[in-house]
Amino acid sequence: KPSNQSQLCQSPLGYAEPHLFGPNFVSTEDYVLVLAEGRPPPTIAWVLANKTHVSDSSAGNNDVRVEPDGTLIIKEATVYDRGLYTCMAKNPAGTDTLVVKLQVVAAPPAILEEKRERVEGTMGENLKLPCTVTGNPRPAVHWVLFDGTVVKPLQFVNGKLFLFANGTLHLSTVAPADSGSYECIATSSTGSDRRVVTLKHNRRRSDTDESQRHHETSQD
């Protein structure tokens, strides 16, 4: 931890060289925090693992950015972000650098819903079949229908099936022909996971009631 009593090298102009304090190793974090001392306060820039230079004045990037206090923010860090990150502090009195090694732990895909589920759909209704996935790197998700049709994210199939980016399959206007199995498959470089939803079609409740009333009338 940095000390508030750190000795700063002062130049004849009353400037103080920048000094950086922070960890040399970070594991599975979304941010890297360092502290910088100096007079005047130093400007902070980072060299990423892919050799890209970023600072708080860099063009907007929602995935990787530097806060005004010098904190490096990595949104949803993945195993592809692993590597060495160099923090650079600079003011008129000099510069200082700090190298931080970022290690992101890989995790195989895992589907949070039940691996096997039976769902009943009433004729004409709309259904949503969720498939919530975790993992690092982020898994790719697609669904395979009982007839072999593959539905990929943001794809509209057969005029009634749509796969949202979050893995949920939307089935509109359920019909008897929609009965069968629907398999969600999540894959990444670290493995795969599957979930099967079996859809059973039911007639409209009103149709069932009408049939029952007709049967009772016939008996009378």
C-alpha atoms as a PDB file:
ATOM      1  CA  LYS A   1       0.000   0.000   0.000  1.00  0.00           C
ATOM      2  CA  PRO A   2       1.286   3.473  -0.804  1.00  0.00           C
ATOM      3  CA  SER A   3       2.447   5.675   2.037  1.00  0.00           C
ATOM      4  CA  ASN A   4       1.332   9.253   2.429  1.00  0.00           C
ATOM      5  CA  GLN A   5       4.879  10.035   3.549  1.00  0.00           C
ATOM      6  CA  SER A   6       6.580   8.841   0.359  1.00  0.00           C
ATOM      7  CA  GLN A   7       9.723  10.814  -0.463  1.00  0.00           C
ATOM      8  CA  LEU A   8       9.382  12.720  -3.741  1.00  0.00           C
ATOM      9  CA  CYS A   9      12.336  13.837  -5.802  1.00  0.00           C
ATOM     10  CA  GLN A  10      12.018  17.606  -6.174  1.00  0.00           C
ATOM     11  CA  SER A  11      13.404  19.634  -9.030  1.00  0.00           C
ATOM     12  CA  PRO A  12      14.735  23.202  -8.653  1.00  0.00           C
ATOM     13  CA  LEU A  13      11.375  24.504  -9.900  1.00  0.00           C
ATOM     14  CA  GLY A  14       9.572  22.895  -6.980  1.00  0.00           C
ATOM     15  CA  TYR A  15       8.290  20.095  -9.152  1.00  0.00           C
ATOM     16  CA  ALA A  16       8.211  16.520  -7.879  1.00  0.00           C
ATOM     17  CA  GLU A  17       8.767  13.523 -10.125  1.00  0.00           C
ATOM     18  CA  PRO A  18       5.770  11.235 -10.454  1.00  0.00           C
ATOM     19  CA  HIS A  19       5.691   7.958  -8.545  1.00  0.00           C
ATOM     20  CA  LEU A  20       3.244   5.143  -9.171  1.00  0.00           C
ATOM     21  CA  PHE A  21       1.945   2.725  -6.561  1.00  0.00           C
ATOM     22  CA  GLY A  22      -0.120  -0.339  -7.319  1.00  0.00           C
ATOM     23  CA  PRO A  23      -0.165  -4.121  -7.695  1.00  0.00           C
ATOM     24  CA  ASN A  24       2.116  -5.975 -10.068  1.00  0.00           C
ATOM     25  CA  PHE A  25      -0.422  -8.772 -10.486  1.00  0.00           C
ATOM     26  CA  VAL A  26      -4.211  -8.703 -10.840  1.00  0.00           C
ATOM     27  CA  SER A  27      -6.444 -11.755 -11.253  1.00  0.00           C
ATOM     28  CA  THR A  28      -9.918 -11.696 -12.804  1.00  0.00           C
ATOM     29  CA  GLU A  29     -10.740  -8.060 -12.179  1.00  0.00           C
ATOM     30  CA  ASP A  30     -12.627  -5.549 -14.286  1.00  0.00           C
ATOM     31  CA  TYR A  31     -10.356  -2.708 -13.275  1.00  0.00           C
ATOM     32  CA  VAL A  32      -6.725  -1.996 -12.409  1.00  0.00           C
ATOM     33  CA  LEU A  33      -6.243   0.704  -9.777  1.00  0.00           C
ATOM     34  CA  VAL A  34      -2.958   2.549  -9.288  1.00  0.00           C
ATOM     35  CA  LEU A  35      -2.091   5.654  -7.304  1.00  0.00           C
ATOM     36  CA  ALA A  36       0.135   8.374  -8.647  1.00  0.00           C
ATOM     37  CA  GLU A  37       1.990  11.081  -6.744  1.00  0.00           C
ATOM     38  CA  GLY A  38       3.800  14.060  -8.180  1.00  0.00           C
ATOM     39  CA  ARG A  39       3.831  17.832  -8.445  1.00  0.00           C
ATOM     40  CA  PRO A  40       2.114  18.963 -10.553  1.00  0.00           C
ATOM     41  CA  PRO A  41      -0.210  15.927 -10.634  1.00  0.00           C
ATOM     42  CA  PRO A  42       0.993  13.647 -13.423  1.00  0.00           C
ATOM     43  CA  THR A  43      -1.016  12.678 -16.464  1.00  0.00           C
ATOM     44  CA  ILE A  44      -1.732   8.955 -16.718  1.00  0.00           C
ATOM     45  CA  ALA A  45      -1.726   6.741 -19.784  1.00  0.00           C
ATOM     46  CA  TRP A  46      -1.798   2.980 -20.228  1.00  0.00           C
ATOM     47  CA  VAL A  47      -0.289   0.611 -22.764  1.00  0.00           C
ATOM     48  CA  LEU A  48      -2.583  -2.388 -23.060  1.00  0.00           C
ATOM     49  CA  ALA A  49      -1.561  -5.997 -23.557  1.00  0.00           C
ATOM     50  CA  ASN A  50      -2.237  -5.585 -27.287  1.00  0.00           C
ATOM     51  CA  LYS A  51       0.090  -2.533 -27.354  1.00  0.00           C
ATOM     52  CA  THR A  52      -2.783  -0.043 -27.678  1.00  0.00           C
ATOM     53  CA  HIS A  53      -2.240   3.287 -25.881  1.00  0.00           C
ATOM     54  CA  VAL A  54      -5.173   4.719 -23.922  1.00  0.00           C
ATOM     55  CA  SER A  55      -5.681   7.659 -21.572  1.00  0.00           C
ATOM     56  CA  ASP A  56      -8.613   9.553 -20.110  1.00  0.00           C
ATOM     57  CA  SER A  57      -8.518  11.814 -23.165  1.00  0.00           C
ATOM     58  CA  SER A  58      -8.623   8.936 -25.654  1.00  0.00           C
ATOM     59  CA  ALA A  59     -11.547   8.539 -28.017  1.00  0.00           C
ATOM     60  CA  GLY A  60     -14.494   6.839 -26.367  1.00  0.00           C
ATOM     61  CA  ASN A  61     -14.236   3.076 -25.956  1.00  0.00           C
ATOM     62  CA  ASN A  62     -16.861   1.446 -23.804  1.00  0.00           C
ATOM     63  CA  ASP A  63     -14.845  -1.752 -23.367  1.00  0.00           C
ATOM     64  CA  VAL A  64     -11.557  -0.232 -22.162  1.00  0.00           C
ATOM     65  CA  ARG A  65     -11.172   3.239 -20.713  1.00  0.00           C
ATOM     66  CA  VAL A  66      -9.070   5.253 -18.281  1.00  0.00           C
ATOM     67  CA  GLU A  67     -10.789   7.235 -15.544  1.00  0.00           C
ATOM     68  CA  PRO A  68      -9.605  10.781 -14.698  1.00  0.00           C
ATOM     69  CA  ASP A  69      -7.862   9.374 -11.596  1.00  0.00           C
ATOM     70  CA  GLY A  70      -5.860   6.960 -13.775  1.00  0.00           C
ATOM     71  CA  THR A  71      -7.854   3.818 -13.042  1.00  0.00           C
ATOM     72  CA  LEU A  72      -7.956   1.447 -16.013  1.00  0.00           C
ATOM     73  CA  ILE A  73     -11.436  -0.013 -16.577  1.00  0.00           C
ATOM     74  CA  ILE A  74     -11.815  -3.210 -18.614  1.00  0.00           C
ATOM     75  CA  LYS A  75     -15.471  -4.016 -19.229  1.00  0.00           C
ATOM     76  CA  GLU A  76     -16.235  -7.726 -18.909  1.00  0.00           C
ATOM     77  CA  ALA A  77     -12.616  -8.863 -19.055  1.00  0.00           C
ATOM     78  CA  THR A  78     -12.072 -12.177 -20.837  1.00  0.00           C
ATOM     79  CA  VAL A  79      -9.156 -14.561 -21.186  1.00  0.00           C
ATOM     80  CA  TYR A  80      -8.222 -12.657 -24.332  1.00  0.00           C
ATOM     81  CA  ASP A  81      -7.394  -9.632 -22.161  1.00  0.00           C
ATOM     82  CA  ARG A  82      -4.653 -11.476 -20.281  1.00  0.00           C
ATOM     83  CA  GLY A  83      -1.156 -10.039 -20.445  1.00  0.00           C
ATOM     84  CA  LEU A  84       1.064  -7.167 -19.322  1.00  0.00           C
ATOM     85  CA  TYR A  85      -0.333  -3.665 -18.881  1.00  0.00           C
ATOM     86  CA  THR A  86       1.985  -0.675 -18.472  1.00  0.00           C
ATOM     87  CA  CYS A  87       0.886   2.431 -16.591  1.00  0.00           C
ATOM     88  CA  MET A  88       2.816   5.601 -17.417  1.00  0.00           C
ATOM     89  CA  ALA A  89       2.757   8.757 -15.280  1.00  0.00           C
ATOM     90  CA  LYS A  90       4.282  11.953 -16.642  1.00  0.00           C
ATOM     91  CA  ASN A  91       4.762  15.547 -15.510  1.00  0.00           C
ATOM     92  CA  PRO A  92       7.388  18.248 -16.222  1.00  0.00           C
ATOM     93  CA  ALA A  93       9.727  16.728 -13.608  1.00  0.00           C
ATOM     94  CA  GLY A  94       9.874  13.290 -15.172  1.00  0.00           C
ATOM     95  CA  THR A  95       8.090   9.998 -15.734  1.00  0.00           C
ATOM     96  CA  ASP A  96       7.412   6.736 -13.934  1.00  0.00           C
ATOM     97  CA  THR A  97       6.059   3.409 -15.143  1.00  0.00           C
ATOM     98  CA  LEU A  98       4.409   0.435 -13.489  1.00  0.00           C
ATOM     99  CA  VAL A  99       3.849  -2.933 -15.162  1.00  0.00           C
ATOM    100  CA  VAL A 100       0.812  -4.947 -14.079  1.00  0.00           C
ATOM    101  CA  LYS A 101       0.189  -8.540 -15.134  1.00  0.00           C
ATOM    102  CA  LEU A 102      -3.505  -9.303 -15.643  1.00  0.00           C
ATOM    103  CA  GLN A 103      -4.588 -12.924 -15.304  1.00  0.00           C
ATOM    104  CA  VAL A 104      -8.182 -13.803 -16.179  1.00  0.00           C
ATOM    105  CA  VAL A 105      -9.354 -17.270 -15.172  1.00  0.00           C
ATOM    106  CA  ALA A 106     -11.166 -19.222 -17.883  1.00  0.00           C
ATOM    107  CA  ALA A 107     -14.541 -20.783 -17.074  1.00  0.00           C
ATOM    108  CA  PRO A 108     -16.402 -23.288 -19.271  1.00  0.00           C
ATOM    109  CA  PRO A 109     -19.934 -22.473 -20.443  1.00  0.00           C
ATOM    110  CA  ALA A 110     -22.699 -23.125 -17.908  1.00  0.00           C
ATOM    111  CA  ILE A 111     -26.438 -22.854 -18.601  1.00  0.00           C
ATOM    112  CA  LEU A 112     -28.342 -21.680 -15.528  1.00  0.00           C
ATOM    113  CA  GLU A 113     -31.782 -23.089 -16.380  1.00  0.00           C
ATOM    114  CA  GLU A 114     -32.796 -26.737 -16.027  1.00  0.00           C
ATOM    115  CA  LYS A 115     -30.944 -29.024 -18.427  1.00  0.00           C
ATOM    116  CA  ARG A 116     -34.211 -30.783 -19.314  1.00  0.00           C
ATOM    117  CA  GLU A 117     -37.582 -29.069 -19.129  1.00  0.00           C
ATOM    118  CA  ARG A 118     -41.106 -29.781 -20.367  1.00  0.00           C
ATOM    119  CA  VAL A 119     -43.229 -26.821 -21.437  1.00  0.00           C
ATOM    120  CA  GLU A 120     -46.880 -26.734 -22.452  1.00  0.00           C
ATOM    121  CA  GLY A 121     -47.946 -24.193 -25.038  1.00  0.00           C
ATOM    122  CA  THR A 122     -51.517 -23.196 -25.778  1.00  0.00           C
ATOM    123  CA  MET A 123     -52.408 -22.761 -29.416  1.00  0.00           C
ATOM    124  CA  GLY A 124     -51.942 -19.181 -30.580  1.00  0.00           C
ATOM    125  CA  GLU A 125     -49.894 -17.948 -27.611  1.00  0.00           C
ATOM    126  CA  ASN A 126     -46.309 -16.660 -27.663  1.00  0.00           C
ATOM    127  CA  LEU A 127     -43.592 -18.471 -25.714  1.00  0.00           C
ATOM    128  CA  LYS A 128     -40.143 -17.481 -24.498  1.00  0.00           C
ATOM    129  CA  LEU A 129     -37.637 -20.266 -23.833  1.00  0.00           C
ATOM    130  CA  PRO A 130     -34.722 -18.833 -21.792  1.00  0.00           C
ATOM    131  CA  CYS A 131     -31.136 -20.018 -21.998  1.00  0.00           C
ATOM    132  CA  THR A 132     -28.971 -17.937 -19.657  1.00  0.00           C
ATOM    133  CA  VAL A 133     -25.277 -18.699 -20.046  1.00  0.00           C
ATOM    134  CA  THR A 134     -22.161 -17.856 -18.046  1.00  0.00           C
ATOM    135  CA  GLY A 135     -18.528 -18.527 -18.913  1.00  0.00           C
ATOM    136  CA  ASN A 136     -15.230 -16.905 -19.806  1.00  0.00           C
ATOM    137  CA  PRO A 137     -14.670 -16.256 -22.615  1.00  0.00           C
ATOM    138  CA  ARG A 138     -18.321 -15.429 -23.243  1.00  0.00           C
ATOM    139  CA  PRO A 139     -19.962 -18.459 -24.864  1.00  0.00           C
ATOM    140  CA  ALA A 140     -21.751 -18.348 -28.199  1.00  0.00           C
ATOM    141  CA  VAL A 141     -25.360 -19.557 -28.034  1.00  0.00           C
ATOM    142  CA  HIS A 142     -27.608 -21.103 -30.664  1.00  0.00           C
ATOM    143  CA  TRP A 143     -30.709 -23.298 -30.691  1.00  0.00           C
ATOM    144  CA  VAL A 144     -31.354 -26.459 -32.700  1.00  0.00           C
ATOM    145  CA  LEU A 145     -34.979 -27.390 -33.438  1.00  0.00           C
ATOM    146  CA  PHE A 146     -36.461 -30.875 -33.593  1.00  0.00           C
ATOM    147  CA  ASP A 147     -36.241 -30.810 -37.404  1.00  0.00           C
ATOM    148  CA  GLY A 148     -32.557 -29.831 -37.381  1.00  0.00           C
ATOM    149  CA  THR A 149     -33.096 -26.126 -38.050  1.00  0.00           C
ATOM    150  CA  VAL A 150     -30.401 -23.953 -36.435  1.00  0.00           C
ATOM    151  CA  VAL A 151     -31.371 -20.570 -34.987  1.00  0.00           C
ATOM    152  CA  LYS A 152     -28.549 -18.108 -34.321  1.00  0.00           C
ATOM    153  CA  PRO A 153     -28.630 -14.848 -32.314  1.00  0.00           C
ATOM    154  CA  LEU A 154     -30.738 -12.034 -33.789  1.00  0.00           C
ATOM    155  CA  GLN A 155     -31.974 -14.401 -36.497  1.00  0.00           C
ATOM    156  CA  PHE A 156     -35.643 -14.644 -37.522  1.00  0.00           C
ATOM    157  CA  VAL A 157     -36.555 -18.145 -38.730  1.00  0.00           C
ATOM    158  CA  ASN A 158     -39.678 -19.570 -40.362  1.00  0.00           C
ATOM    159  CA  GLY A 159     -41.558 -16.349 -39.693  1.00  0.00           C
ATOM    160  CA  LYS A 160     -42.092 -17.201 -36.031  1.00  0.00           C
ATOM    161  CA  LEU A 161     -38.788 -17.922 -34.262  1.00  0.00           C
ATOM    162  CA  PHE A 162     -36.361 -15.265 -33.028  1.00  0.00           C
ATOM    163  CA  LEU A 163     -33.256 -15.697 -30.869  1.00  0.00           C
ATOM    164  CA  PHE A 164     -32.440 -12.751 -28.606  1.00  0.00           C
ATOM    165  CA  ALA A 165     -28.833 -11.837 -27.818  1.00  0.00           C
ATOM    166  CA  ASN A 166     -29.312 -13.059 -24.227  1.00  0.00           C
ATOM    167  CA  GLY A 167     -30.050 -16.612 -25.428  1.00  0.00           C
ATOM    168  CA  THR A 168     -33.845 -16.525 -25.093  1.00  0.00           C
ATOM    169  CA  LEU A 169     -35.719 -18.147 -27.970  1.00  0.00           C
ATOM    170  CA  HIS A 170     -39.044 -16.476 -28.804  1.00  0.00           C
ATOM    171  CA  LEU A 171     -41.715 -18.638 -30.415  1.00  0.00           C
ATOM    172  CA  SER A 172     -44.751 -16.775 -31.704  1.00  0.00           C
ATOM    173  CA  THR A 173     -48.237 -18.155 -32.313  1.00  0.00           C
ATOM    174  CA  VAL A 174     -47.804 -21.702 -31.041  1.00  0.00           C
ATOM    175  CA  ALA A 175     -49.309 -24.352 -33.311  1.00  0.00           C
ATOM    176  CA  PRO A 176     -49.515 -28.179 -33.219  1.00  0.00           C
ATOM    177  CA  ALA A 177     -46.592 -28.409 -35.647  1.00  0.00           C
ATOM    178  CA  ASP A 178     -44.343 -26.688 -33.088  1.00  0.00           C
ATOM    179  CA  SER A 179     -44.446 -29.630 -30.676  1.00  0.00           C
ATOM    180  CA  GLY A 180     -41.063 -31.268 -30.176  1.00  0.00           C
ATOM    181  CA  SER A 181     -37.637 -30.698 -28.656  1.00  0.00           C
ATOM    182  CA  TYR A 182     -35.703 -27.423 -28.688  1.00  0.00           C
ATOM    183  CA  GLU A 183     -32.019 -27.634 -27.764  1.00  0.00           C
ATOM    184  CA  CYS A 184     -29.936 -24.690 -26.576  1.00  0.00           C
ATOM    185  CA  ILE A 185     -26.191 -25.141 -27.119  1.00  0.00           C
ATOM    186  CA  ALA A 186     -23.547 -22.879 -25.573  1.00  0.00           C
ATOM    187  CA  THR A 187     -19.949 -23.194 -26.765  1.00  0.00           C
ATOM    188  CA  SER A 188     -16.604 -21.493 -26.251  1.00  0.00           C
ATOM    189  CA  SER A 189     -12.939 -22.398 -26.470  1.00  0.00           C
ATOM    190  CA  THR A 190     -13.214 -23.871 -22.957  1.00  0.00           C
ATOM    191  CA  GLY A 191     -16.087 -26.305 -23.584  1.00  0.00           C
ATOM    192  CA  SER A 192     -19.845 -26.520 -24.120  1.00  0.00           C
ATOM    193  CA  ASP A 193     -23.166 -26.997 -22.320  1.00  0.00           C
ATOM    194  CA  ARG A 194     -26.659 -27.983 -23.478  1.00  0.00           C
ATOM    195  CA  ARG A 195     -30.271 -27.637 -22.437  1.00  0.00           C
ATOM    196  CA  VAL A 196     -33.286 -29.364 -24.006  1.00  0.00           C
ATOM    197  CA  VAL A 197     -36.822 -27.997 -23.798  1.00  0.00           C
ATOM    198  CA  THR A 198     -39.645 -30.307 -24.879  1.00  0.00           C
ATOM    199  CA  LEU A 199     -42.694 -28.398 -26.065  1.00  0.00           C
ATOM    200  CA  LYS A 200     -46.132 -29.999 -25.868  1.00  0.00           C
ATOM    201  CA  HIS A 201     -48.996 -28.316 -27.686  1.00  0.00           C
ATOM    202  CA  ASN A 202     -52.403 -27.835 -26.073  1.00  0.00           C
ATOM    203  CA  ARG A 203     -55.592 -26.730 -27.817  1.00  0.00           C
ATOM    204  CA  ARG A 204     -57.064 -23.369 -26.954  1.00  0.00           C
ATOM    205  CA  ARG A 205     -58.882 -23.469 -23.653  1.00  0.00           C
ATOM    206  CA  SER A 206     -61.987 -22.050 -25.320  1.00  0.00           C
ATOM    207  CA  ASP A 207     -61.934 -24.876 -27.858  1.00  0.00           C
ATOM    208  CA  THR A 208     -61.665 -27.420 -25.059  1.00  0.00           C
ATOM    209  CA  ASP A 209     -64.556 -25.828 -23.180  1.00  0.00           C
ATOM    210  CA  GLU A 210     -66.698 -25.724 -26.331  1.00  0.00           C
ATOM    211  CA  SER A 211     -65.968 -29.397 -27.014  1.00  0.00           C
ATOM    212  CA  GLN A 212     -66.927 -30.285 -23.461  1.00  0.00           C
ATOM    213  CA  ARG A 213     -70.186 -28.301 -23.681  1.00  0.00           C
ATOM    214  CA  HIS A 214     -71.032 -29.983 -26.989  1.00  0.00           C
ATOM    215  CA  HIS A 215     -70.423 -33.388 -25.428  1.00  0.00           C
ATOM    216  CA  GLU A 216     -72.680 -32.575 -22.476  1.00  0.00           C
ATOM    217  CA  THR A 217     -75.431 -31.292 -24.810  1.00  0.00           C
ATOM    218  CA  SER A 218     -75.279 -34.489 -26.845  1.00  0.00           C
ATOM    219  CA  GLN A 219     -75.773 -36.551 -23.701  1.00  0.00           C
ATOM    220  CA  ASP A 220     -78.910 -34.551 -22.814  1.00  0.00           C
END
